[in-house]
């Protein structure tokens, strides 16, 4: 009886079937370092040694992408960590409050990043 032909194994090929992404995903250490920079930025901006989740979130939401300090990503990382620290209190107010704020802040990051990119590379 003839033996069935099995599919070709990926191990039989010398070429990789998975390609590297165009952009490298940031690691935990990168996010923590960026958040540390964001916290320092907020402390300097507000001239406070201690900052609240509200302070960080407002600094991110009110950030002017046309500023020369390039603090958008550090502010986002700090604000997200501050938001995360306030999750229990927000969930006590409304179970969807944290999720809605997280979604809003992520959308704001996208909008601000697009605005910054358009300013840096205006279309002709």
PDB file of N, CA and C in Angstrom:
ATOM      1  N   UNK A   1       0.839  -1.180   0.000  1.00  0.00           N
ATOM      2  CA  UNK A   1       0.000   0.000   0.000  1.00  0.00           C
ATOM      3  C   UNK A   1       0.878   1.235   0.000  1.00  0.00           C
ATOM      4  N   UNK A   2       0.492   2.219  -0.803  1.00  0.00           N
ATOM      5  CA  UNK A   2       1.267   3.450  -0.893  1.00  0.00           C
ATOM      6  C   UNK A   2       1.101   4.276   0.380  1.00  0.00           C
ATOM      7  N   UNK A   3       2.182   4.815   0.783  1.00  0.00           N
ATOM      8  CA  UNK A   3       2.177   5.674   1.960  1.00  0.00           C
ATOM      9  C   UNK A   3       1.705   7.066   1.543  1.00  0.00           C
ATOM     10  N   UNK A   4       0.798   7.701   2.341  1.00  0.00           N
ATOM     11  CA  UNK A   4       0.335   9.043   1.973  1.00  0.00           C
ATOM     12  C   UNK A   4       1.485  10.045   2.040  1.00  0.00           C
ATOM     13  N   UNK A   5       1.378  11.042   1.174  1.00  0.00           N
ATOM     14  CA  UNK A   5       2.381  12.094   1.152  1.00  0.00           C
ATOM     15  C   UNK A   5       2.025  13.103   2.235  1.00  0.00           C
ATOM     16  N   UNK A   6       2.975  13.375   3.120  1.00  0.00           N
ATOM     17  CA  UNK A   6       2.705  14.337   4.183  1.00  0.00           C
ATOM     18  C   UNK A   6       3.060  15.730   3.702  1.00  0.00           C
ATOM     19  N   UNK A   7       2.442  16.749   4.296  1.00  0.00           N
ATOM     20  CA  UNK A   7       2.762  18.125   3.898  1.00  0.00           C
ATOM     21  C   UNK A   7       4.221  18.435   4.203  1.00  0.00           C
ATOM     22  N   UNK A   8       4.746  19.389   3.490  1.00  0.00           N
ATOM     23  CA  UNK A   8       6.131  19.808   3.687  1.00  0.00           C
ATOM     24  C   UNK A   8       6.231  20.481   5.047  1.00  0.00           C
ATOM     25  N   UNK A   9       7.211  20.126   5.792  1.00  0.00           N
ATOM     26  CA  UNK A   9       7.424  20.698   7.114  1.00  0.00           C
ATOM     27  C   UNK A   9       8.184  22.010   6.993  1.00  0.00           C
ATOM     28  N   UNK A  10       7.937  22.904   7.931  1.00  0.00           N
ATOM     29  CA  UNK A  10       8.695  24.154   7.955  1.00  0.00           C
ATOM     30  C   UNK A  10      10.145  23.880   8.302  1.00  0.00           C
ATOM     31  N   UNK A  11      10.391  22.735   8.942  1.00  0.00           N
ATOM     32  CA  UNK A  11      11.757  22.380   9.278  1.00  0.00           C
ATOM     33  C   UNK A  11      12.548  21.986   8.042  1.00  0.00           C
ATOM     34  N   UNK A  12      11.854  21.613   6.948  1.00  0.00           N
ATOM     35  CA  UNK A  12      12.519  21.210   5.715  1.00  0.00           C
ATOM     36  C   UNK A  12      13.050  22.402   4.929  1.00  0.00           C
ATOM     37  N   UNK A  13      12.620  23.586   5.282  1.00  0.00           N
ATOM     38  CA  UNK A  13      13.032  24.779   4.537  1.00  0.00           C
ATOM     39  C   UNK A  13      14.095  25.538   5.303  1.00  0.00           C
ATOM     40  N   UNK A  14      15.040  26.052   4.592  1.00  0.00           N
ATOM     41  CA  UNK A  14      16.095  26.836   5.219  1.00  0.00           C
ATOM     42  C   UNK A  14      15.713  28.291   5.394  1.00  0.00           C
ATOM     43  N   UNK A  15      14.611  28.733   4.790  1.00  0.00           N
ATOM     44  CA  UNK A  15      14.218  30.134   4.885  1.00  0.00           C
ATOM     45  C   UNK A  15      13.202  30.322   5.995  1.00  0.00           C
ATOM     46  N   UNK A  16      13.227  31.469   6.581  1.00  0.00           N
ATOM     47  CA  UNK A  16      12.282  31.780   7.649  1.00  0.00           C
ATOM     48  C   UNK A  16      10.932  32.132   7.047  1.00  0.00           C
ATOM     49  N   UNK A  17       9.885  31.652   7.693  1.00  0.00           N
ATOM     50  CA  UNK A  17       8.532  31.965   7.247  1.00  0.00           C
ATOM     51  C   UNK A  17       7.980  33.193   7.964  1.00  0.00           C
ATOM     52  N   UNK A  18       8.634  33.599   9.029  1.00  0.00           N
ATOM     53  CA  UNK A  18       8.199  34.751   9.799  1.00  0.00           C
ATOM     54  C   UNK A  18       9.168  35.894   9.520  1.00  0.00           C
ATOM     55  N   UNK A  19       8.617  37.041   9.219  1.00  0.00           N
ATOM     56  CA  UNK A  19       9.464  38.203   8.958  1.00  0.00           C
ATOM     57  C   UNK A  19       9.421  39.143  10.151  1.00  0.00           C
ATOM     58  N   UNK A  20      10.438  39.926  10.279  1.00  0.00           N
ATOM     59  CA  UNK A  20      10.506  40.883  11.382  1.00  0.00           C
ATOM     60  C   UNK A  20       9.523  42.016  11.126  1.00  0.00           C
ATOM     61  N   UNK A  21       8.916  42.531  12.195  1.00  0.00           N
ATOM     62  CA  UNK A  21       8.003  43.670  12.020  1.00  0.00           C
ATOM     63  C   UNK A  21       8.771  44.909  11.584  1.00  0.00           C
ATOM     64  N   UNK A  22       8.045  45.838  10.964  1.00  0.00           N
ATOM     65  CA  UNK A  22       8.663  47.084  10.517  1.00  0.00           C
ATOM     66  C   UNK A  22       9.168  47.915  11.689  1.00  0.00           C
ATOM     67  N   UNK A  23       8.420  47.865  12.772  1.00  0.00           N
ATOM     68  CA  UNK A  23       8.811  48.613  13.960  1.00  0.00           C
ATOM     69  C   UNK A  23       9.004  47.636  15.107  1.00  0.00           C
ATOM     70  N   UNK A  24      10.001  47.869  15.908  1.00  0.00           N
ATOM     71  CA  UNK A  24      10.267  47.004  17.049  1.00  0.00           C
ATOM     72  C   UNK A  24       9.360  47.436  18.201  1.00  0.00           C
ATOM     73  N   UNK A  25       8.696  46.462  18.801  1.00  0.00           N
ATOM     74  CA  UNK A  25       7.831  46.744  19.939  1.00  0.00           C
ATOM     75  C   UNK A  25       8.692  47.113  21.149  1.00  0.00           C
ATOM     76  N   UNK A  26       8.312  48.131  21.889  1.00  0.00           N
ATOM     77  CA  UNK A  26       9.101  48.499  23.062  1.00  0.00           C
ATOM     78  C   UNK A  26       8.974  47.440  24.152  1.00  0.00           C
ATOM     79  N   UNK A  27      10.058  47.206  24.859  1.00  0.00           N
ATOM     80  CA  UNK A  27      10.055  46.267  25.962  1.00  0.00           C
ATOM     81  C   UNK A  27       9.648  46.953  27.254  1.00  0.00           C
ATOM     82  N   UNK A  28       9.491  46.160  28.284  1.00  0.00           N
ATOM     83  CA  UNK A  28       9.091  46.684  29.585  1.00  0.00           C
ATOM     84  C   UNK A  28      10.095  47.717  30.088  1.00  0.00           C
ATOM     85  N   UNK A  29      11.373  47.429  29.922  1.00  0.00           N
ATOM     86  CA  UNK A  29      12.398  48.374  30.389  1.00  0.00           C
ATOM     87  C   UNK A  29      12.297  49.711  29.662  1.00  0.00           C
ATOM     88  N   UNK A  30      11.991  49.670  28.362  1.00  0.00           N
ATOM     89  CA  UNK A  30      11.843  50.898  27.583  1.00  0.00           C
ATOM     90  C   UNK A  30      10.656  51.720  28.084  1.00  0.00           C
ATOM     91  N   UNK A  31       9.560  51.047  28.389  1.00  0.00           N
ATOM     92  CA  UNK A  31       8.360  51.736  28.875  1.00  0.00           C
ATOM     93  C   UNK A  31       8.617  52.351  30.239  1.00  0.00           C
ATOM     94  N   UNK A  32       9.273  51.591  31.118  1.00  0.00           N
ATOM     95  CA  UNK A  32       9.574  52.105  32.457  1.00  0.00           C
ATOM     96  C   UNK A  32      10.508  53.308  32.372  1.00  0.00           C
ATOM     97  N   UNK A  33      11.531  53.232  31.532  1.00  0.00           N
ATOM     98  CA  UNK A  33      12.452  54.359  31.373  1.00  0.00           C
ATOM     99  C   UNK A  33      11.735  55.578  30.801  1.00  0.00           C
ATOM    100  N   UNK A  34      10.866  55.352  29.841  1.00  0.00           N
ATOM    101  CA  UNK A  34      10.102  56.455  29.257  1.00  0.00           C
ATOM    102  C   UNK A  34       9.174  57.074  30.303  1.00  0.00           C
ATOM    103  N   UNK A  35       8.534  56.237  31.105  1.00  0.00           N
ATOM    104  CA  UNK A  35       7.653  56.746  32.169  1.00  0.00           C
ATOM    105  C   UNK A  35       8.455  57.552  33.188  1.00  0.00           C
ATOM    106  N   UNK A  36       9.667  57.097  33.512  1.00  0.00           N
ATOM    107  CA  UNK A  36      10.515  57.828  34.454  1.00  0.00           C
ATOM    108  C   UNK A  36      10.806  59.230  33.916  1.00  0.00           C
ATOM    109  N   UNK A  37      11.095  59.319  32.626  1.00  0.00           N
ATOM    110  CA  UNK A  37      11.332  60.617  31.992  1.00  0.00           C
ATOM    111  C   UNK A  37      10.063  61.468  32.052  1.00  0.00           C
ATOM    112  N   UNK A  38       8.911  60.826  31.806  1.00  0.00           N
ATOM    113  CA  UNK A  38       7.632  61.527  31.880  1.00  0.00           C
ATOM    114  C   UNK A  38       7.330  62.056  33.274  1.00  0.00           C
ATOM    115  N   UNK A  39       7.601  61.241  34.302  1.00  0.00           N
ATOM    116  CA  UNK A  39       7.385  61.687  35.680  1.00  0.00           C
ATOM    117  C   UNK A  39       8.254  62.895  35.995  1.00  0.00           C
ATOM    118  N   UNK A  40       9.520  62.846  35.595  1.00  0.00           N
ATOM    119  CA  UNK A  40      10.430  63.966  35.847  1.00  0.00           C
ATOM    120  C   UNK A  40       9.947  65.221  35.120  1.00  0.00           C
ATOM    121  N   UNK A  41       9.456  65.040  33.894  1.00  0.00           N
ATOM    122  CA  UNK A  41       8.925  66.166  33.114  1.00  0.00           C
ATOM    123  C   UNK A  41       7.744  66.805  33.849  1.00  0.00           C
ATOM    124  N   UNK A  42       6.835  65.977  34.340  1.00  0.00           N
ATOM    125  CA  UNK A  42       5.648  66.482  35.041  1.00  0.00           C
ATOM    126  C   UNK A  42       6.056  67.204  36.319  1.00  0.00           C
ATOM    127  N   UNK A  43       6.995  66.618  37.062  1.00  0.00           N
ATOM    128  CA  UNK A  43       7.451  67.252  38.299  1.00  0.00           C
ATOM    129  C   UNK A  43       8.072  68.625  38.020  1.00  0.00           C
ATOM    130  N   UNK A  44       8.896  68.717  36.980  1.00  0.00           N
ATOM    131  CA  UNK A  44       9.498  70.003  36.628  1.00  0.00           C
ATOM    132  C   UNK A  44       8.436  71.000  36.174  1.00  0.00           C
ATOM    133  N   UNK A  45       7.535  70.531  35.337  1.00  0.00           N
ATOM    134  CA  UNK A  45       6.505  71.407  34.764  1.00  0.00           C
ATOM    135  C   UNK A  45       5.595  71.976  35.860  1.00  0.00           C
ATOM    136  N   UNK A  46       5.209  71.123  36.812  1.00  0.00           N
ATOM    137  CA  UNK A  46       4.297  71.557  37.873  1.00  0.00           C
ATOM    138  C   UNK A  46       5.025  72.065  39.114  1.00  0.00           C
ATOM    139  N   UNK A  47       6.340  71.908  39.134  1.00  0.00           N
ATOM    140  CA  UNK A  47       7.149  72.285  40.292  1.00  0.00           C
ATOM    141  C   UNK A  47       6.623  71.624  41.564  1.00  0.00           C
ATOM    142  N   UNK A  48       6.410  70.306  41.463  1.00  0.00           N
ATOM    143  CA  UNK A  48       5.918  69.506  42.587  1.00  0.00           C
ATOM    144  C   UNK A  48       6.818  68.289  42.754  1.00  0.00           C
ATOM    145  N   UNK A  49       6.986  67.872  43.997  1.00  0.00           N
ATOM    146  CA  UNK A  49       7.760  66.655  44.220  1.00  0.00           C
ATOM    147  C   UNK A  49       6.867  65.416  44.136  1.00  0.00           C
ATOM    148  N   UNK A  50       5.588  65.586  44.417  1.00  0.00           N
ATOM    149  CA  UNK A  50       4.636  64.475  44.320  1.00  0.00           C
ATOM    150  C   UNK A  50       3.554  64.844  43.314  1.00  0.00           C
ATOM    151  N   UNK A  51       3.223  63.885  42.466  1.00  0.00           N
ATOM    152  CA  UNK A  51       2.194  64.141  41.458  1.00  0.00           C
ATOM    153  C   UNK A  51       1.076  63.118  41.615  1.00  0.00           C
ATOM    154  N   UNK A  52      -0.113  63.553  41.283  1.00  0.00           N
ATOM    155  CA  UNK A  52      -1.292  62.694  41.378  1.00  0.00           C
ATOM    156  C   UNK A  52      -1.610  62.118  39.999  1.00  0.00           C
ATOM    157  N   UNK A  53      -2.441  61.077  39.952  1.00  0.00           N
ATOM    158  CA  UNK A  53      -2.874  60.581  38.639  1.00  0.00           C
ATOM    159  C   UNK A  53      -3.506  61.692  37.792  1.00  0.00           C
ATOM    160  N   UNK A  54      -4.281  62.545  38.413  1.00  0.00           N
ATOM    161  CA  UNK A  54      -4.908  63.644  37.686  1.00  0.00           C
ATOM    162  C   UNK A  54      -3.890  64.598  37.080  1.00  0.00           C
ATOM    163  N   UNK A  55      -2.813  64.880  37.849  1.00  0.00           N
ATOM    164  CA  UNK A  55      -1.747  65.744  37.328  1.00  0.00           C
ATOM    165  C   UNK A  55      -1.141  65.156  36.059  1.00  0.00           C
ATOM    166  N   UNK A  56      -0.814  63.878  36.112  1.00  0.00           N
ATOM    167  CA  UNK A  56      -0.170  63.230  34.974  1.00  0.00           C
ATOM    168  C   UNK A  56      -1.071  63.121  33.762  1.00  0.00           C
ATOM    169  N   UNK A  57      -2.306  62.761  34.006  1.00  0.00           N
ATOM    170  CA  UNK A  57      -3.260  62.610  32.906  1.00  0.00           C
ATOM    171  C   UNK A  57      -3.515  63.965  32.237  1.00  0.00           C
ATOM    172  N   UNK A  58      -3.697  65.009  33.036  1.00  0.00           N
ATOM    173  CA  UNK A  58      -3.923  66.346  32.464  1.00  0.00           C
ATOM    174  C   UNK A  58      -2.709  66.848  31.700  1.00  0.00           C
ATOM    175  N   UNK A  59      -1.513  66.577  32.201  1.00  0.00           N
ATOM    176  CA  UNK A  59      -0.313  67.003  31.478  1.00  0.00           C
ATOM    177  C   UNK A  59      -0.229  66.319  30.115  1.00  0.00           C
ATOM    178  N   UNK A  60      -0.586  65.026  30.070  1.00  0.00           N
ATOM    179  CA  UNK A  60      -0.583  64.330  28.789  1.00  0.00           C
ATOM    180  C   UNK A  60      -1.657  64.881  27.856  1.00  0.00           C
ATOM    181  N   UNK A  61      -2.880  65.012  28.352  1.00  0.00           N
ATOM    182  CA  UNK A  61      -3.981  65.456  27.499  1.00  0.00           C
ATOM    183  C   UNK A  61      -3.782  66.885  26.994  1.00  0.00           C
ATOM    184  N   UNK A  62      -3.135  67.729  27.789  1.00  0.00           N
ATOM    185  CA  UNK A  62      -2.913  69.121  27.408  1.00  0.00           C
ATOM    186  C   UNK A  62      -1.564  69.344  26.723  1.00  0.00           C
ATOM    187  N   UNK A  63      -0.814  68.298  26.492  1.00  0.00           N
ATOM    188  CA  UNK A  63       0.514  68.433  25.897  1.00  0.00           C
ATOM    189  C   UNK A  63       0.423  68.997  24.482  1.00  0.00           C
ATOM    190  N   UNK A  64       1.265  69.981  24.213  1.00  0.00           N
ATOM    191  CA  UNK A  64       1.338  70.612  22.901  1.00  0.00           C
ATOM    192  C   UNK A  64       2.393  69.882  22.072  1.00  0.00           C
ATOM    193  N   UNK A  65       1.977  69.195  21.040  1.00  0.00           N
ATOM    194  CA  UNK A  65       2.916  68.418  20.225  1.00  0.00           C
ATOM    195  C   UNK A  65       3.873  69.307  19.437  1.00  0.00           C
ATOM    196  N   UNK A  66       3.615  70.591  19.401  1.00  0.00           N
ATOM    197  CA  UNK A  66       4.498  71.509  18.693  1.00  0.00           C
ATOM    198  C   UNK A  66       5.632  72.007  19.588  1.00  0.00           C
ATOM    199  N   UNK A  67       5.630  71.584  20.846  1.00  0.00           N
ATOM    200  CA  UNK A  67       6.711  71.947  21.754  1.00  0.00           C
ATOM    201  C   UNK A  67       7.998  71.257  21.306  1.00  0.00           C
ATOM    202  N   UNK A  68       9.112  71.850  21.633  1.00  0.00           N
ATOM    203  CA  UNK A  68      10.396  71.308  21.202  1.00  0.00           C
ATOM    204  C   UNK A  68      10.947  70.221  22.122  1.00  0.00           C
ATOM    205  N   UNK A  69      10.232  69.866  23.167  1.00  0.00           N
ATOM    206  CA  UNK A  69      10.797  68.957  24.156  1.00  0.00           C
ATOM    207  C   UNK A  69      10.568  67.468  23.876  1.00  0.00           C
ATOM    208  N   UNK A  70       9.761  67.127  22.882  1.00  0.00           N
ATOM    209  CA  UNK A  70       9.555  65.736  22.475  1.00  0.00           C
ATOM    210  C   UNK A  70       9.203  64.831  23.662  1.00  0.00           C
ATOM    211  N   UNK A  71       8.203  65.226  24.435  1.00  0.00           N
ATOM    212  CA  UNK A  71       7.836  64.489  25.641  1.00  0.00           C
ATOM    213  C   UNK A  71       6.539  63.706  25.487  1.00  0.00           C
ATOM    214  N   UNK A  72       6.008  63.567  24.293  1.00  0.00           N
ATOM    215  CA  UNK A  72       4.709  62.915  24.111  1.00  0.00           C
ATOM    216  C   UNK A  72       4.708  61.484  24.642  1.00  0.00           C
ATOM    217  N   UNK A  73       5.631  60.661  24.190  1.00  0.00           N
ATOM    218  CA  UNK A  73       5.648  59.256  24.606  1.00  0.00           C
ATOM    219  C   UNK A  73       5.969  59.121  26.097  1.00  0.00           C
ATOM    220  N   UNK A  74       6.977  59.832  26.631  1.00  0.00           N
ATOM    221  CA  UNK A  74       7.205  59.759  28.072  1.00  0.00           C
ATOM    222  C   UNK A  74       5.988  60.186  28.894  1.00  0.00           C
ATOM    223  N   UNK A  75       5.299  61.245  28.454  1.00  0.00           N
ATOM    224  CA  UNK A  75       4.097  61.672  29.176  1.00  0.00           C
ATOM    225  C   UNK A  75       2.999  60.621  29.098  1.00  0.00           C
ATOM    226  N   UNK A  76       2.846  60.002  27.933  1.00  0.00           N
ATOM    227  CA  UNK A  76       1.839  58.950  27.784  1.00  0.00           C
ATOM    228  C   UNK A  76       2.153  57.782  28.712  1.00  0.00           C
ATOM    229  N   UNK A  77       3.390  57.343  28.732  1.00  0.00           N
ATOM    230  CA  UNK A  77       3.763  56.215  29.595  1.00  0.00           C
ATOM    231  C   UNK A  77       3.524  56.549  31.068  1.00  0.00           C
ATOM    232  N   UNK A  78       3.919  57.735  31.490  1.00  0.00           N
ATOM    233  CA  UNK A  78       3.697  58.140  32.882  1.00  0.00           C
ATOM    234  C   UNK A  78       2.207  58.233  33.188  1.00  0.00           C
ATOM    235  N   UNK A  79       1.443  58.829  32.286  1.00  0.00           N
ATOM    236  CA  UNK A  79       0.004  58.987  32.515  1.00  0.00           C
ATOM    237  C   UNK A  79      -0.703  57.632  32.587  1.00  0.00           C
ATOM    238  N   UNK A  80      -0.303  56.700  31.753  1.00  0.00           N
ATOM    239  CA  UNK A  80      -0.916  55.365  31.765  1.00  0.00           C
ATOM    240  C   UNK A  80      -0.605  54.653  33.082  1.00  0.00           C
ATOM    241  N   UNK A  81       0.638  54.765  33.552  1.00  0.00           N
ATOM    242  CA  UNK A  81       0.976  54.146  34.836  1.00  0.00           C
ATOM    243  C   UNK A  81       0.221  54.805  35.990  1.00  0.00           C
ATOM    244  N   UNK A  82       0.079  56.121  35.922  1.00  0.00           N
ATOM    245  CA  UNK A  82      -0.695  56.815  36.948  1.00  0.00           C
ATOM    246  C   UNK A  82      -2.168  56.422  36.886  1.00  0.00           C
ATOM    247  N   UNK A  83      -2.699  56.302  35.689  1.00  0.00           N
ATOM    248  CA  UNK A  83      -4.085  55.862  35.529  1.00  0.00           C
ATOM    249  C   UNK A  83      -4.257  54.458  36.098  1.00  0.00           C
ATOM    250  N   UNK A  84      -3.301  53.605  35.807  1.00  0.00           N
ATOM    251  CA  UNK A  84      -3.350  52.221  36.302  1.00  0.00           C
ATOM    252  C   UNK A  84      -3.346  52.201  37.828  1.00  0.00           C
ATOM    253  N   UNK A  85      -2.593  53.100  38.448  1.00  0.00           N
ATOM    254  CA  UNK A  85      -2.530  53.155  39.910  1.00  0.00           C
ATOM    255  C   UNK A  85      -3.860  53.600  40.521  1.00  0.00           C
ATOM    256  N   UNK A  86      -4.673  54.287  39.737  1.00  0.00           N
ATOM    257  CA  UNK A  86      -5.967  54.778  40.228  1.00  0.00           C
ATOM    258  C   UNK A  86      -7.123  53.866  39.826  1.00  0.00           C
ATOM    259  N   UNK A  87      -6.838  52.714  39.256  1.00  0.00           N
ATOM    260  CA  UNK A  87      -7.875  51.841  38.704  1.00  0.00           C
ATOM    261  C   UNK A  87      -8.921  51.416  39.739  1.00  0.00           C
ATOM    262  N   UNK A  88      -8.491  51.022  40.927  1.00  0.00           N
ATOM    263  CA  UNK A  88      -9.436  50.557  41.941  1.00  0.00           C
ATOM    264  C   UNK A  88     -10.435  51.655  42.307  1.00  0.00           C
ATOM    265  N   UNK A  89      -9.941  52.860  42.480  1.00  0.00           N
ATOM    266  CA  UNK A  89     -10.825  53.982  42.803  1.00  0.00           C
ATOM    267  C   UNK A  89     -11.781  54.302  41.667  1.00  0.00           C
ATOM    268  N   UNK A  90     -11.288  54.231  40.447  1.00  0.00           N
ATOM    269  CA  UNK A  90     -12.143  54.503  39.294  1.00  0.00           C
ATOM    270  C   UNK A  90     -13.205  53.422  39.137  1.00  0.00           C
ATOM    271  N   UNK A  91     -12.825  52.162  39.340  1.00  0.00           N
ATOM    272  CA  UNK A  91     -13.786  51.061  39.231  1.00  0.00           C
ATOM    273  C   UNK A  91     -14.874  51.164  40.300  1.00  0.00           C
ATOM    274  N   UNK A  92     -14.534  51.757  41.451  1.00  0.00           N
ATOM    275  CA  UNK A  92     -15.537  51.953  42.494  1.00  0.00           C
ATOM    276  C   UNK A  92     -16.571  52.994  42.078  1.00  0.00           C
ATOM    277  N   UNK A  93     -16.153  53.949  41.264  1.00  0.00           N
ATOM    278  CA  UNK A  93     -17.064  54.975  40.773  1.00  0.00           C
ATOM    279  C   UNK A  93     -17.961  54.393  39.691  1.00  0.00           C
ATOM    280  N   UNK A  94     -17.339  53.743  38.718  1.00  0.00           N
ATOM    281  CA  UNK A  94     -18.056  53.143  37.592  1.00  0.00           C
ATOM    282  C   UNK A  94     -17.169  52.027  37.036  1.00  0.00           C
ATOM    283  N   UNK A  95     -17.695  50.818  36.912  1.00  0.00           N
ATOM    284  CA  UNK A  95     -16.883  49.702  36.437  1.00  0.00           C
ATOM    285  C   UNK A  95     -16.257  49.923  35.053  1.00  0.00           C
ATOM    286  N   UNK A  96     -16.806  50.817  34.254  1.00  0.00           N
ATOM    287  CA  UNK A  96     -16.271  51.060  32.912  1.00  0.00           C
ATOM    288  C   UNK A  96     -15.394  52.308  32.838  1.00  0.00           C
ATOM    289  N   UNK A  97     -15.264  53.030  33.929  1.00  0.00           N
ATOM    290  CA  UNK A  97     -14.538  54.304  33.933  1.00  0.00           C
ATOM    291  C   UNK A  97     -13.080  54.120  33.512  1.00  0.00           C
ATOM    292  N   UNK A  98     -12.379  53.175  34.117  1.00  0.00           N
ATOM    293  CA  UNK A  98     -10.968  52.943  33.782  1.00  0.00           C
ATOM    294  C   UNK A  98     -10.813  52.597  32.305  1.00  0.00           C
ATOM    295  N   UNK A  99     -11.627  51.687  31.830  1.00  0.00           N
ATOM    296  CA  UNK A  99     -11.554  51.247  30.433  1.00  0.00           C
ATOM    297  C   UNK A  99     -11.814  52.407  29.478  1.00  0.00           C
ATOM    298  N   UNK A 100     -12.800  53.217  29.785  1.00  0.00           N
ATOM    299  CA  UNK A 100     -13.116  54.366  28.933  1.00  0.00           C
ATOM    300  C   UNK A 100     -11.974  55.375  28.912  1.00  0.00           C
ATOM    301  N   UNK A 101     -11.386  55.645  30.075  1.00  0.00           N
ATOM    302  CA  UNK A 101     -10.259  56.581  30.132  1.00  0.00           C
ATOM    303  C   UNK A 101      -9.049  56.034  29.387  1.00  0.00           C
ATOM    304  N   UNK A 102      -8.795  54.745  29.533  1.00  0.00           N
ATOM    305  CA  UNK A 102      -7.666  54.127  28.836  1.00  0.00           C
ATOM    306  C   UNK A 102      -7.862  54.228  27.317  1.00  0.00           C
ATOM    307  N   UNK A 103      -9.062  53.950  26.866  1.00  0.00           N
ATOM    308  CA  UNK A 103      -9.362  54.046  25.433  1.00  0.00           C
ATOM    309  C   UNK A 103      -9.217  55.484  24.957  1.00  0.00           C
ATOM    310  N   UNK A 104      -9.732  56.425  25.729  1.00  0.00           N
ATOM    311  CA  UNK A 104      -9.641  57.838  25.358  1.00  0.00           C
ATOM    312  C   UNK A 104      -8.188  58.284  25.264  1.00  0.00           C
ATOM    313  N   UNK A 105      -7.378  57.898  26.240  1.00  0.00           N
ATOM    314  CA  UNK A 105      -5.981  58.317  26.240  1.00  0.00           C
ATOM    315  C   UNK A 105      -5.206  57.678  25.089  1.00  0.00           C
ATOM    316  N   UNK A 106      -5.509  56.443  24.768  1.00  0.00           N
ATOM    317  CA  UNK A 106      -4.859  55.783  23.636  1.00  0.00           C
ATOM    318  C   UNK A 106      -5.239  56.474  22.333  1.00  0.00           C
ATOM    319  N   UNK A 107      -6.512  56.825  22.197  1.00  0.00           N
ATOM    320  CA  UNK A 107      -6.955  57.561  21.005  1.00  0.00           C
ATOM    321  C   UNK A 107      -6.279  58.931  20.925  1.00  0.00           C
ATOM    322  N   UNK A 108      -6.122  59.585  22.074  1.00  0.00           N
ATOM    323  CA  UNK A 108      -5.452  60.890  22.092  1.00  0.00           C
ATOM    324  C   UNK A 108      -3.989  60.753  21.690  1.00  0.00           C
ATOM    325  N   UNK A 109      -3.340  59.666  22.107  1.00  0.00           N
ATOM    326  CA  UNK A 109      -1.961  59.444  21.693  1.00  0.00           C
ATOM    327  C   UNK A 109      -1.891  59.332  20.178  1.00  0.00           C
ATOM    328  N   UNK A 110      -2.794  58.567  19.598  1.00  0.00           N
ATOM    329  CA  UNK A 110      -2.819  58.424  18.139  1.00  0.00           C
ATOM    330  C   UNK A 110      -3.004  59.777  17.457  1.00  0.00           C
ATOM    331  N   UNK A 111      -3.956  60.564  17.941  1.00  0.00           N
ATOM    332  CA  UNK A 111      -4.222  61.877  17.345  1.00  0.00           C
ATOM    333  C   UNK A 111      -3.019  62.814  17.472  1.00  0.00           C
ATOM    334  N   UNK A 112      -2.433  62.841  18.672  1.00  0.00           N
ATOM    335  CA  UNK A 112      -1.295  63.719  18.904  1.00  0.00           C
ATOM    336  C   UNK A 112      -0.088  63.279  18.081  1.00  0.00           C
ATOM    337  N   UNK A 113       0.119  61.983  17.960  1.00  0.00           N
ATOM    338  CA  UNK A 113       1.245  61.476  17.165  1.00  0.00           C
ATOM    339  C   UNK A 113       1.058  61.816  15.687  1.00  0.00           C
ATOM    340  N   UNK A 114      -0.169  61.689  15.192  1.00  0.00           N
ATOM    341  CA  UNK A 114      -0.449  62.052  13.801  1.00  0.00           C
ATOM    342  C   UNK A 114      -0.220  63.548  13.576  1.00  0.00           C
ATOM    343  N   UNK A 115      -0.663  64.370  14.526  1.00  0.00           N
ATOM    344  CA  UNK A 115      -0.465  65.815  14.411  1.00  0.00           C
ATOM    345  C   UNK A 115       1.020  66.165  14.434  1.00  0.00           C
ATOM    346  N   UNK A 116       1.768  65.506  15.313  1.00  0.00           N
ATOM    347  CA  UNK A 116       3.209  65.755  15.387  1.00  0.00           C
ATOM    348  C   UNK A 116       3.902  65.322  14.101  1.00  0.00           C
ATOM    349  N   UNK A 117       3.493  64.183  13.544  1.00  0.00           N
ATOM    350  CA  UNK A 117       4.088  63.694  12.296  1.00  0.00           C
ATOM    351  C   UNK A 117       3.758  64.617  11.135  1.00  0.00           C
ATOM    352  N   UNK A 118       2.548  65.121  11.097  1.00  0.00           N
ATOM    353  CA  UNK A 118       2.139  66.027  10.015  1.00  0.00           C
ATOM    354  C   UNK A 118       2.916  67.334  10.101  1.00  0.00           C
ATOM    355  N   UNK A 119       3.212  67.768  11.302  1.00  0.00           N
ATOM    356  CA  UNK A 119       3.980  68.999  11.492  1.00  0.00           C
ATOM    357  C   UNK A 119       5.437  68.790  11.093  1.00  0.00           C
ATOM    358  N   UNK A 120       5.963  67.619  11.440  1.00  0.00           N
ATOM    359  CA  UNK A 120       7.367  67.333  11.155  1.00  0.00           C
ATOM    360  C   UNK A 120       7.604  67.094   9.673  1.00  0.00           C
ATOM    361  N   UNK A 121       6.630  66.488   9.006  1.00  0.00           N
ATOM    362  CA  UNK A 121       6.736  66.166   7.581  1.00  0.00           C
ATOM    363  C   UNK A 121       5.490  66.653   6.858  1.00  0.00           C
ATOM    364  N   UNK A 122       5.371  67.963   6.643  1.00  0.00           N
ATOM    365  CA  UNK A 122       4.177  68.471   5.978  1.00  0.00           C
ATOM    366  C   UNK A 122       4.031  67.901   4.562  1.00  0.00           C
ATOM    367  N   UNK A 123       2.796  67.640   4.199  1.00  0.00           N
ATOM    368  CA  UNK A 123       2.507  67.129   2.860  1.00  0.00           C
ATOM    369  C   UNK A 123       2.591  68.245   1.832  1.00  0.00           C
ATOM    370  N   UNK A 124       3.037  67.905   0.673  1.00  0.00           N
ATOM    371  CA  UNK A 124       3.184  68.903  -0.387  1.00  0.00           C
ATOM    372  C   UNK A 124       1.998  68.832  -1.302  1.00  0.00           C
TER     373      UNK A 124
END
